[in-house]
Amino acid sequence: MGIPLLSYPNWVDATYYSVAFSGGSWQPALPLTNIRDRLFSKMARSTNATLGSTKFTIDLGVLRSILSLAIPRSNISRTGQVRVLLYQTDPAVGSPSAVGDTGWVDYWRTVYAWGSLPFEHPSWLDGKLTEEDRQGYPMPWVYTFASAVLARYAVWQFSDASNPDGYIDIPRAYMGPGWSPSTGIQVGATLGWEDPSVVEQSLGSVLFFDERPGFRVARFSVPYIQTNEGMGTALELIRQLKTVREMFFSYDASDNTNVHRWSFPATIRQLSPLEWATPNLNTVNFELREVVG
């Protein structure tokens, strides 16, 4: 495991400067502006799956520092790809050069390391989830630049013309800076699934199930950071997000095989104080809960 990334705030949600959305062709009942809605059920849905209809531009209103990009989930097909280009000036005026470019990246990445599957497994050749397995799978699209990019405009493109649904759904988009703790995280960090489903037993001992979506929980400690990082970054993150605002979290965004397993939108489940582990070094604990809907 590498260095974790806590990406916040999400500039798409910013309100101090006006954020504008344009481009593509979107169904009136599910418009492009829905990617600002925190409810995943209020997604943006294109009128068709052509490149021209699924392309859109986000104007953040002012130059912003952007390190991480993410889409928490979508209906993009197994062969679909995503590309994001970042600009400092309006790409519709003149021909400005992009200051950031993800290139075309597969949405559904290889999730099984080569040699980890038996020969008869349907995913043996490409290591991707099968169509059957990917139904309902919480696969995010995550991209992290090598260093932060200063940009105002983001052009999102989706290459998925053969999508069997005939359209693409985008429930949310995340664009923001990020904090990677200078000391990493302490050994003993955990990642697990919690199930809020309800099980009731009748008088005759028959079980009845109210199945609900499960969610991931990450618990970790950031040890022995300098006071400036502890006060100016860790404690400020907690102050800004509290337990109600979202970040996009990844235990290691550089591990392409497992990035979908430990990357997700999250809220802070339990606020923790900054601890003075030594007179000049701080430790802070985090418990994050996945946002699933």
C-alpha atoms as a PDB file:
ATOM      1  CA  MET A   1       0.000   0.000   0.000  1.00  0.00           C
ATOM      2  CA  GLY A   2       1.261   3.466  -0.895  1.00  0.00           C
ATOM      3  CA  ILE A   3       0.362   6.912   0.433  1.00  0.00           C
ATOM      4  CA  PRO A   4      -3.350   7.649   0.960  1.00  0.00           C
ATOM      5  CA  LEU A   5      -5.109  10.572  -0.711  1.00  0.00           C
ATOM      6  CA  LEU A   6      -7.855  12.629   0.916  1.00  0.00           C
ATOM      7  CA  SER A   7      -9.232  14.838  -1.851  1.00  0.00           C
ATOM      8  CA  TYR A   8     -11.274  17.842  -0.715  1.00  0.00           C
ATOM      9  CA  PRO A   9     -13.054  20.135  -1.273  1.00  0.00           C
ATOM     10  CA  ASN A  10     -14.965  19.106  -4.385  1.00  0.00           C
ATOM     11  CA  TRP A  11     -14.780  22.212  -6.577  1.00  0.00           C
ATOM     12  CA  VAL A  12     -17.878  21.062  -8.492  1.00  0.00           C
ATOM     13  CA  ASP A  13     -19.897  21.832  -5.343  1.00  0.00           C
ATOM     14  CA  ALA A  14     -18.302  25.218  -4.628  1.00  0.00           C
ATOM     15  CA  THR A  15     -20.670  28.179  -4.185  1.00  0.00           C
ATOM     16  CA  TYR A  16     -18.457  31.236  -3.545  1.00  0.00           C
ATOM     17  CA  TYR A  17     -17.644  31.385  -7.277  1.00  0.00           C
ATOM     18  CA  SER A  18     -20.331  30.383  -9.772  1.00  0.00           C
ATOM     19  CA  VAL A  19     -19.813  26.942 -11.331  1.00  0.00           C
ATOM     20  CA  ALA A  20     -21.303  26.465 -14.816  1.00  0.00           C
ATOM     21  CA  PHE A  21     -21.983  23.374 -16.929  1.00  0.00           C
ATOM     22  CA  SER A  22     -22.293  23.245 -20.707  1.00  0.00           C
ATOM     23  CA  GLY A  23     -22.050  20.961 -23.723  1.00  0.00           C
ATOM     24  CA  GLY A  24     -23.399  17.586 -24.706  1.00  0.00           C
ATOM     25  CA  SER A  25     -27.040  16.575 -24.932  1.00  0.00           C
ATOM     26  CA  TRP A  26     -28.846  15.631 -21.717  1.00  0.00           C
ATOM     27  CA  GLN A  27     -32.343  14.496 -20.945  1.00  0.00           C
ATOM     28  CA  PRO A  28     -34.488  17.375 -19.575  1.00  0.00           C
ATOM     29  CA  ALA A  29     -35.621  15.336 -16.571  1.00  0.00           C
ATOM     30  CA  LEU A  30     -32.015  14.356 -15.756  1.00  0.00           C
ATOM     31  CA  PRO A  31     -29.939  17.424 -16.679  1.00  0.00           C
ATOM     32  CA  LEU A  32     -26.185  17.896 -16.501  1.00  0.00           C
ATOM     33  CA  THR A  33     -26.498  20.050 -13.382  1.00  0.00           C
ATOM     34  CA  ASN A  34     -27.514  16.923 -11.463  1.00  0.00           C
ATOM     35  CA  ILE A  35     -23.838  16.041 -11.029  1.00  0.00           C
ATOM     36  CA  ARG A  36     -23.874  18.625  -8.228  1.00  0.00           C
ATOM     37  CA  ASP A  37     -26.674  16.788  -6.416  1.00  0.00           C
ATOM     38  CA  ARG A  38     -25.402  14.613  -3.575  1.00  0.00           C
ATOM     39  CA  LEU A  39     -28.077  12.003  -4.249  1.00  0.00           C
ATOM     40  CA  PHE A  40     -26.678   9.511  -6.762  1.00  0.00           C
ATOM     41  CA  SER A  41     -30.225   8.752  -7.921  1.00  0.00           C
ATOM     42  CA  LYS A  42     -30.397  12.259  -9.411  1.00  0.00           C
ATOM     43  CA  MET A  43     -27.813  11.569 -12.090  1.00  0.00           C
ATOM     44  CA  ALA A  44     -27.204  13.315 -15.378  1.00  0.00           C
ATOM     45  CA  ARG A  45     -28.337  11.135 -18.315  1.00  0.00           C
ATOM     46  CA  SER A  46     -27.322  11.795 -21.913  1.00  0.00           C
ATOM     47  CA  THR A  47     -29.872  11.589 -24.723  1.00  0.00           C
ATOM     48  CA  ASN A  48     -27.670   9.080 -26.539  1.00  0.00           C
ATOM     49  CA  ALA A  49     -24.202   7.545 -26.208  1.00  0.00           C
ATOM     50  CA  THR A  50     -22.346   9.380 -28.973  1.00  0.00           C
ATOM     51  CA  LEU A  51     -19.177  11.274 -28.134  1.00  0.00           C
ATOM     52  CA  GLY A  52     -20.776  14.619 -28.969  1.00  0.00           C
ATOM     53  CA  SER A  53     -23.728  14.044 -26.646  1.00  0.00           C
ATOM     54  CA  THR A  54     -21.714  12.795 -23.669  1.00  0.00           C
ATOM     55  CA  LYS A  55     -19.027  15.502 -23.743  1.00  0.00           C
ATOM     56  CA  PHE A  56     -19.391  18.399 -21.303  1.00  0.00           C
ATOM     57  CA  THR A  57     -17.423  21.308 -19.860  1.00  0.00           C
ATOM     58  CA  ILE A  58     -17.300  22.446 -16.246  1.00  0.00           C
ATOM     59  CA  ASP A  59     -16.328  26.079 -15.641  1.00  0.00           C
ATOM     60  CA  LEU A  60     -15.185  26.388 -12.020  1.00  0.00           C
ATOM     61  CA  GLY A  61     -15.434  30.181 -12.166  1.00  0.00           C
ATOM     62  CA  VAL A  62     -11.828  30.757 -11.104  1.00  0.00           C
ATOM     63  CA  LEU A  63      -8.478  29.002 -11.328  1.00  0.00           C
ATOM     64  CA  ARG A  64      -8.409  26.036  -8.949  1.00  0.00           C
ATOM     65  CA  SER A  65      -5.794  23.543  -7.826  1.00  0.00           C
ATOM     66  CA  ILE A  66      -6.808  20.113  -9.154  1.00  0.00           C
ATOM     67  CA  LEU A  67      -5.007  16.917  -8.198  1.00  0.00           C
ATOM     68  CA  SER A  68      -7.702  14.267  -8.270  1.00  0.00           C
ATOM     69  CA  LEU A  69     -10.667  13.469 -10.544  1.00  0.00           C
ATOM     70  CA  ALA A  70     -13.333  10.858  -9.879  1.00  0.00           C
ATOM     71  CA  ILE A  71     -16.735   9.502 -10.823  1.00  0.00           C
ATOM     72  CA  PRO A  72     -18.146   7.252  -8.076  1.00  0.00           C
ATOM     73  CA  ARG A  73     -20.099   4.931 -10.398  1.00  0.00           C
ATOM     74  CA  SER A  74     -21.929   4.920 -13.725  1.00  0.00           C
ATOM     75  CA  ASN A  75     -23.521   2.698 -16.373  1.00  0.00           C
ATOM     76  CA  ILE A  76     -20.526   3.045 -18.712  1.00  0.00           C
ATOM     77  CA  SER A  77     -20.012  -0.261 -20.495  1.00  0.00           C
ATOM     78  CA  ARG A  78     -17.124  -2.689 -20.128  1.00  0.00           C
ATOM     79  CA  THR A  79     -15.268  -1.145 -23.087  1.00  0.00           C
ATOM     80  CA  GLY A  80     -16.059   2.506 -22.301  1.00  0.00           C
ATOM     81  CA  GLN A  81     -13.328   5.088 -21.803  1.00  0.00           C
ATOM     82  CA  VAL A  82     -13.024   8.487 -20.093  1.00  0.00           C
ATOM     83  CA  ARG A  83     -10.810  11.479 -20.827  1.00  0.00           C
ATOM     84  CA  VAL A  84     -10.554  14.828 -19.025  1.00  0.00           C
ATOM     85  CA  LEU A  85      -8.681  17.874 -20.326  1.00  0.00           C
ATOM     86  CA  LEU A  86      -7.969  20.871 -18.082  1.00  0.00           C
ATOM     87  CA  TYR A  87      -7.589  24.445 -19.311  1.00  0.00           C
ATOM     88  CA  GLN A  88      -6.831  27.800 -17.743  1.00  0.00           C
ATOM     89  CA  THR A  89      -8.836  29.711 -20.374  1.00  0.00           C
ATOM     90  CA  ASP A  90     -12.114  28.880 -22.093  1.00  0.00           C
ATOM     91  CA  PRO A  91     -11.454  26.047 -24.593  1.00  0.00           C
ATOM     92  CA  ALA A  92     -14.384  27.316 -26.698  1.00  0.00           C
ATOM     93  CA  VAL A  93     -12.555  30.596 -27.361  1.00  0.00           C
ATOM     94  CA  GLY A  94      -9.433  30.338 -29.499  1.00  0.00           C
ATOM     95  CA  SER A  95      -7.340  27.204 -29.223  1.00  0.00           C
ATOM     96  CA  PRO A  96      -5.736  27.168 -25.791  1.00  0.00           C
ATOM     97  CA  SER A  97      -3.384  24.348 -24.839  1.00  0.00           C
ATOM     98  CA  ALA A  98      -4.513  21.931 -22.168  1.00  0.00           C
ATOM     99  CA  VAL A  99      -2.571  22.182 -18.904  1.00  0.00           C
ATOM    100  CA  GLY A 100      -3.740  18.733 -17.852  1.00  0.00           C
ATOM    101  CA  ASP A 101      -4.777  15.671 -19.847  1.00  0.00           C
ATOM    102  CA  THR A 102      -5.647  12.246 -18.480  1.00  0.00           C
ATOM    103  CA  GLY A 103      -5.563  10.685 -21.950  1.00  0.00           C
ATOM    104  CA  TRP A 104      -8.153   8.027 -22.756  1.00  0.00           C
ATOM    105  CA  VAL A 105      -8.482   5.758 -19.715  1.00  0.00           C
ATOM    106  CA  ASP A 106     -10.592   2.592 -19.427  1.00  0.00           C
ATOM    107  CA  TYR A 107     -13.502   3.063 -17.030  1.00  0.00           C
ATOM    108  CA  TRP A 108     -13.572  -0.646 -16.170  1.00  0.00           C
ATOM    109  CA  ARG A 109      -9.957  -1.379 -15.382  1.00  0.00           C
ATOM    110  CA  THR A 110      -8.108  -4.646 -14.861  1.00  0.00           C
ATOM    111  CA  VAL A 111      -8.977  -5.795 -11.333  1.00  0.00           C
ATOM    112  CA  TYR A 112      -7.414  -9.268 -11.285  1.00  0.00           C
ATOM    113  CA  ALA A 113      -3.628  -9.475 -11.359  1.00  0.00           C
ATOM    114  CA  TRP A 114      -2.201 -11.640 -14.144  1.00  0.00           C
ATOM    115  CA  GLY A 115      -1.958 -15.257 -13.027  1.00  0.00           C
ATOM    116  CA  SER A 116      -4.383 -14.885 -10.120  1.00  0.00           C
ATOM    117  CA  LEU A 117      -7.296 -16.516 -11.980  1.00  0.00           C
ATOM    118  CA  PRO A 118      -7.651 -20.087 -13.219  1.00  0.00           C
ATOM    119  CA  PHE A 119      -7.520 -20.577 -16.980  1.00  0.00           C
ATOM    120  CA  GLU A 120     -11.225 -21.380 -17.236  1.00  0.00           C
ATOM    121  CA  HIS A 121     -12.299 -18.090 -15.585  1.00  0.00           C
ATOM    122  CA  PRO A 122     -14.052 -15.775 -18.108  1.00  0.00           C
ATOM    123  CA  SER A 123     -11.872 -12.853 -16.945  1.00  0.00           C
ATOM    124  CA  TRP A 124      -8.603 -14.782 -17.369  1.00  0.00           C
ATOM    125  CA  LEU A 125      -7.577 -13.000 -20.577  1.00  0.00           C
ATOM    126  CA  ASP A 126      -8.091  -9.317 -19.719  1.00  0.00           C
ATOM    127  CA  GLY A 127      -8.505  -9.346 -15.920  1.00  0.00           C
ATOM    128  CA  LYS A 128     -11.677  -7.234 -16.074  1.00  0.00           C
ATOM    129  CA  LEU A 129     -14.991  -8.004 -14.434  1.00  0.00           C
ATOM    130  CA  THR A 130     -17.431  -9.924 -16.597  1.00  0.00           C
ATOM    131  CA  GLU A 131     -20.708  -8.316 -17.651  1.00  0.00           C
ATOM    132  CA  GLU A 132     -22.483 -10.491 -15.090  1.00  0.00           C
ATOM    133  CA  ASP A 133     -20.147  -9.587 -12.223  1.00  0.00           C
ATOM    134  CA  ARG A 134     -20.095  -5.876 -12.928  1.00  0.00           C
ATOM    135  CA  GLN A 135     -23.867  -5.462 -12.521  1.00  0.00           C
ATOM    136  CA  GLY A 136     -24.328  -3.347  -9.416  1.00  0.00           C
ATOM    137  CA  TYR A 137     -20.580  -3.293  -8.741  1.00  0.00           C
ATOM    138  CA  PRO A 138     -19.516   0.030  -7.106  1.00  0.00           C
ATOM    139  CA  MET A 139     -16.727   0.766  -9.594  1.00  0.00           C
ATOM    140  CA  PRO A 140     -15.361   4.330  -9.429  1.00  0.00           C
ATOM    141  CA  TRP A 141     -13.299   6.007 -12.110  1.00  0.00           C
ATOM    142  CA  VAL A 142     -10.297   7.601 -10.412  1.00  0.00           C
ATOM    143  CA  TYR A 143      -7.429   9.623 -11.833  1.00  0.00           C
ATOM    144  CA  THR A 144      -4.664  11.407  -9.931  1.00  0.00           C
ATOM    145  CA  PHE A 145      -2.177  13.742 -11.587  1.00  0.00           C
ATOM    146  CA  ALA A 146       1.496  13.466 -10.676  1.00  0.00           C
ATOM    147  CA  SER A 147       1.261  16.996  -9.277  1.00  0.00           C
ATOM    148  CA  ALA A 148      -1.561  19.489  -8.842  1.00  0.00           C
ATOM    149  CA  VAL A 149      -2.732  21.345 -11.955  1.00  0.00           C
ATOM    150  CA  LEU A 150      -3.981  24.931 -11.859  1.00  0.00           C
ATOM    151  CA  ALA A 151      -7.049  25.154 -14.097  1.00  0.00           C
ATOM    152  CA  ARG A 152     -10.503  26.701 -14.431  1.00  0.00           C
ATOM    153  CA  TYR A 153     -12.147  24.639 -17.199  1.00  0.00           C
ATOM    154  CA  ALA A 154     -12.500  20.867 -17.366  1.00  0.00           C
ATOM    155  CA  VAL A 155     -13.676  19.129 -20.524  1.00  0.00           C
ATOM    156  CA  TRP A 156     -14.992  15.643 -19.766  1.00  0.00           C
ATOM    157  CA  GLN A 157     -15.285  13.178 -22.669  1.00  0.00           C
ATOM    158  CA  PHE A 158     -16.780   9.685 -22.749  1.00  0.00           C
ATOM    159  CA  SER A 159     -16.164   7.161 -25.504  1.00  0.00           C
ATOM    160  CA  ASP A 160     -18.932   4.598 -25.161  1.00  0.00           C
ATOM    161  CA  ALA A 161     -20.965   4.723 -28.379  1.00  0.00           C
ATOM    162  CA  SER A 162     -21.827   1.015 -28.155  1.00  0.00           C
ATOM    163  CA  ASN A 163     -23.321   1.270 -24.666  1.00  0.00           C
ATOM    164  CA  PRO A 164     -26.273  -1.174 -24.669  1.00  0.00           C
ATOM    165  CA  ASP A 165     -28.412   1.307 -22.698  1.00  0.00           C
ATOM    166  CA  GLY A 166     -28.057   3.876 -25.463  1.00  0.00           C
ATOM    167  CA  TYR A 167     -27.006   6.590 -22.989  1.00  0.00           C
ATOM    168  CA  ILE A 168     -24.609   7.190 -20.092  1.00  0.00           C
ATOM    169  CA  ASP A 169     -25.441   8.083 -16.499  1.00  0.00           C
ATOM    170  CA  ILE A 170     -23.123  10.297 -14.429  1.00  0.00           C
ATOM    171  CA  PRO A 171     -24.346  10.651 -10.817  1.00  0.00           C
ATOM    172  CA  ARG A 172     -21.493  12.803  -9.487  1.00  0.00           C
ATOM    173  CA  ALA A 173     -18.165  14.280 -10.510  1.00  0.00           C
ATOM    174  CA  TYR A 174     -15.320  15.049  -8.119  1.00  0.00           C
ATOM    175  CA  MET A 175     -12.544  17.531  -8.888  1.00  0.00           C
ATOM    176  CA  GLY A 176     -10.295  18.789  -6.170  1.00  0.00           C
ATOM    177  CA  PRO A 177      -6.923  19.198  -4.535  1.00  0.00           C
ATOM    178  CA  GLY A 178      -5.773  16.568  -2.098  1.00  0.00           C
ATOM    179  CA  TRP A 179      -3.781  15.812   1.013  1.00  0.00           C
ATOM    180  CA  SER A 180      -1.349  12.921   1.098  1.00  0.00           C
ATOM    181  CA  PRO A 181       0.043  12.797   4.655  1.00  0.00           C
ATOM    182  CA  SER A 182       3.803  13.269   4.653  1.00  0.00           C
ATOM    183  CA  THR A 183       4.268  10.340   7.053  1.00  0.00           C
ATOM    184  CA  GLY A 184       1.760   8.022   5.371  1.00  0.00           C
ATOM    185  CA  ILE A 185      -0.476   6.058   7.690  1.00  0.00           C
ATOM    186  CA  GLN A 186       0.324   3.915  10.687  1.00  0.00           C
ATOM    187  CA  VAL A 187       0.441   0.135  10.449  1.00  0.00           C
ATOM    188  CA  GLY A 188      -2.879  -1.295  11.613  1.00  0.00           C
ATOM    189  CA  ALA A 189      -5.178   0.627   9.274  1.00  0.00           C
ATOM    190  CA  THR A 190      -8.346  -1.246   8.340  1.00  0.00           C
ATOM    191  CA  LEU A 191     -10.810  -1.384   5.479  1.00  0.00           C
ATOM    192  CA  GLY A 192     -14.028  -3.336   5.774  1.00  0.00           C
ATOM    193  CA  TRP A 193     -17.628  -3.636   4.661  1.00  0.00           C
ATOM    194  CA  GLU A 194     -20.589  -2.928   6.919  1.00  0.00           C
ATOM    195  CA  ASP A 195     -24.079  -4.210   6.230  1.00  0.00           C
ATOM    196  CA  PRO A 196     -27.033  -2.118   7.503  1.00  0.00           C
ATOM    197  CA  SER A 197     -29.541  -4.769   6.354  1.00  0.00           C
ATOM    198  CA  VAL A 198     -32.185  -5.768   8.879  1.00  0.00           C
ATOM    199  CA  VAL A 199     -32.925  -9.404   9.728  1.00  0.00           C
ATOM    200  CA  GLU A 200     -36.128 -10.231  11.613  1.00  0.00           C
ATOM    201  CA  GLN A 201     -37.144 -13.598  12.994  1.00  0.00           C
ATOM    202  CA  SER A 202     -40.800 -14.621  13.158  1.00  0.00           C
ATOM    203  CA  LEU A 203     -42.366 -16.539  16.028  1.00  0.00           C
ATOM    204  CA  GLY A 204     -41.882 -19.660  13.943  1.00  0.00           C
ATOM    205  CA  SER A 205     -38.127 -18.897  13.580  1.00  0.00           C
ATOM    206  CA  VAL A 206     -38.455 -17.953   9.915  1.00  0.00           C
ATOM    207  CA  LEU A 207     -35.988 -15.250   8.899  1.00  0.00           C
ATOM    208  CA  PHE A 208     -37.124 -12.187   6.942  1.00  0.00           C
ATOM    209  CA  PHE A 209     -34.608  -9.868   5.317  1.00  0.00           C
ATOM    210  CA  ASP A 210     -34.681  -6.154   4.544  1.00  0.00           C
ATOM    211  CA  GLU A 211     -31.589  -5.937   2.353  1.00  0.00           C
ATOM    212  CA  ARG A 212     -29.877  -2.552   2.165  1.00  0.00           C
ATOM    213  CA  PRO A 213     -26.745  -1.379   0.337  1.00  0.00           C
ATOM    214  CA  GLY A 214     -23.530  -2.159   2.155  1.00  0.00           C
ATOM    215  CA  PHE A 215     -20.782   0.432   2.543  1.00  0.00           C
ATOM    216  CA  ARG A 216     -17.069   0.510   3.223  1.00  0.00           C
ATOM    217  CA  VAL A 217     -15.460   1.917   6.365  1.00  0.00           C
ATOM    218  CA  ALA A 218     -11.802   2.938   6.601  1.00  0.00           C
ATOM    219  CA  ARG A 219     -10.018   3.476   9.912  1.00  0.00           C
ATOM    220  CA  PHE A 220      -6.452   4.721  10.083  1.00  0.00           C
ATOM    221  CA  SER A 221      -4.028   6.951  11.967  1.00  0.00           C
ATOM    222  CA  VAL A 222      -1.714   9.580  10.528  1.00  0.00           C
ATOM    223  CA  PRO A 223       1.269   9.546  12.902  1.00  0.00           C
ATOM    224  CA  TYR A 224       3.947  12.033  13.844  1.00  0.00           C
ATOM    225  CA  ILE A 225       3.290  14.896  11.458  1.00  0.00           C
ATOM    226  CA  GLN A 226       4.742  18.334  11.977  1.00  0.00           C
ATOM    227  CA  THR A 227       2.573  20.851  13.817  1.00  0.00           C
ATOM    228  CA  ASN A 228       2.027  22.963  10.688  1.00  0.00           C
ATOM    229  CA  GLU A 229       0.685  19.939   8.781  1.00  0.00           C
ATOM    230  CA  GLY A 230      -1.389  18.833  11.743  1.00  0.00           C
ATOM    231  CA  MET A 231      -2.927  22.240  12.446  1.00  0.00           C
ATOM    232  CA  GLY A 232      -2.992  23.690   8.940  1.00  0.00           C
ATOM    233  CA  THR A 233      -4.106  20.599   7.025  1.00  0.00           C
ATOM    234  CA  ALA A 234      -5.467  17.762   9.176  1.00  0.00           C
ATOM    235  CA  LEU A 235      -7.402  19.894  11.644  1.00  0.00           C
ATOM    236  CA  GLU A 236      -8.587  22.229   8.874  1.00  0.00           C
ATOM    237  CA  LEU A 237      -9.892  19.222   6.916  1.00  0.00           C
ATOM    238  CA  ILE A 238     -11.885  18.123   9.950  1.00  0.00           C
ATOM    239  CA  ARG A 239     -13.177  21.658  10.532  1.00  0.00           C
ATOM    240  CA  GLN A 240     -14.336  22.085   6.934  1.00  0.00           C
ATOM    241  CA  LEU A 241     -15.906  18.677   6.370  1.00  0.00           C
ATOM    242  CA  LYS A 242     -17.214  17.885   9.853  1.00  0.00           C
ATOM    243  CA  THR A 243     -19.409  14.784   9.511  1.00  0.00           C
ATOM    244  CA  VAL A 244     -21.603  16.093   6.694  1.00  0.00           C
ATOM    245  CA  ARG A 245     -19.416  17.101   3.722  1.00  0.00           C
ATOM    246  CA  GLU A 246     -17.808  14.745   1.246  1.00  0.00           C
ATOM    247  CA  MET A 247     -14.253  13.985   0.274  1.00  0.00           C
ATOM    248  CA  PHE A 248     -12.965  11.424  -2.213  1.00  0.00           C
ATOM    249  CA  PHE A 249     -10.699   8.989  -0.407  1.00  0.00           C
ATOM    250  CA  SER A 250      -8.185   6.439  -1.622  1.00  0.00           C
ATOM    251  CA  TYR A 251      -5.802   4.309   0.411  1.00  0.00           C
ATOM    252  CA  ASP A 252      -3.519   4.230  -2.647  1.00  0.00           C
ATOM    253  CA  ALA A 253      -4.529   5.856  -5.935  1.00  0.00           C
ATOM    254  CA  SER A 254      -1.396   4.543  -7.687  1.00  0.00           C
ATOM    255  CA  ASP A 255      -2.344   0.855  -7.431  1.00  0.00           C
ATOM    256  CA  ASN A 256      -4.338   0.343 -10.629  1.00  0.00           C
ATOM    257  CA  THR A 257      -5.399  -3.197  -9.719  1.00  0.00           C
ATOM    258  CA  ASN A 258      -6.905  -2.361  -6.331  1.00  0.00           C
ATOM    259  CA  VAL A 259      -7.742   1.332  -6.624  1.00  0.00           C
ATOM    260  CA  HIS A 260     -11.466   0.563  -7.056  1.00  0.00           C
ATOM    261  CA  ARG A 261     -11.457  -1.593  -3.913  1.00  0.00           C
ATOM    262  CA  TRP A 262     -10.140   1.102  -1.581  1.00  0.00           C
ATOM    263  CA  SER A 263     -11.264   4.343  -3.258  1.00  0.00           C
ATOM    264  CA  PHE A 264     -14.683   5.889  -2.647  1.00  0.00           C
ATOM    265  CA  PRO A 265     -16.542   9.096  -1.757  1.00  0.00           C
ATOM    266  CA  ALA A 266     -16.703   9.362   1.996  1.00  0.00           C
ATOM    267  CA  THR A 267     -17.718  11.421   4.983  1.00  0.00           C
ATOM    268  CA  ILE A 268     -15.952  11.531   8.321  1.00  0.00           C
ATOM    269  CA  ARG A 269     -17.882   9.171  10.554  1.00  0.00           C
ATOM    270  CA  GLN A 270     -16.285  10.185  13.837  1.00  0.00           C
ATOM    271  CA  LEU A 271     -14.428  13.423  14.506  1.00  0.00           C
ATOM    272  CA  SER A 272     -11.130  12.915  16.310  1.00  0.00           C
ATOM    273  CA  PRO A 273      -8.916  15.425  18.087  1.00  0.00           C
ATOM    274  CA  LEU A 274      -5.359  16.272  17.131  1.00  0.00           C
ATOM    275  CA  GLU A 275      -3.019  14.488  19.523  1.00  0.00           C
ATOM    276  CA  TRP A 276       0.408  15.741  20.575  1.00  0.00           C
ATOM    277  CA  ALA A 277       2.308  12.462  20.315  1.00  0.00           C
ATOM    278  CA  THR A 278       5.511  14.357  21.180  1.00  0.00           C
ATOM    279  CA  PRO A 279       6.016  18.041  22.028  1.00  0.00           C
ATOM    280  CA  ASN A 280       6.507  18.890  18.331  1.00  0.00           C
ATOM    281  CA  LEU A 281       4.736  16.097  16.458  1.00  0.00           C
ATOM    282  CA  ASN A 282       1.025  15.417  16.034  1.00  0.00           C
ATOM    283  CA  THR A 283      -1.087  12.326  15.398  1.00  0.00           C
ATOM    284  CA  VAL A 284      -4.661  12.288  14.113  1.00  0.00           C
ATOM    285  CA  ASN A 285      -7.117   9.420  13.657  1.00  0.00           C
ATOM    286  CA  PHE A 286      -9.738   9.043  10.951  1.00  0.00           C
ATOM    287  CA  GLU A 287     -12.838   6.910  10.564  1.00  0.00           C
ATOM    288  CA  LEU A 288     -14.415   7.345   7.120  1.00  0.00           C
ATOM    289  CA  ARG A 289     -17.745   6.005   5.885  1.00  0.00           C
ATOM    290  CA  GLU A 290     -18.460   5.426   2.203  1.00  0.00           C
ATOM    291  CA  VAL A 291     -21.213   7.463   0.536  1.00  0.00           C
ATOM    292  CA  VAL A 292     -23.345   5.005  -1.427  1.00  0.00           C
ATOM    293  CA  GLY A 293     -26.398   6.923  -2.580  1.00  0.00           C
END
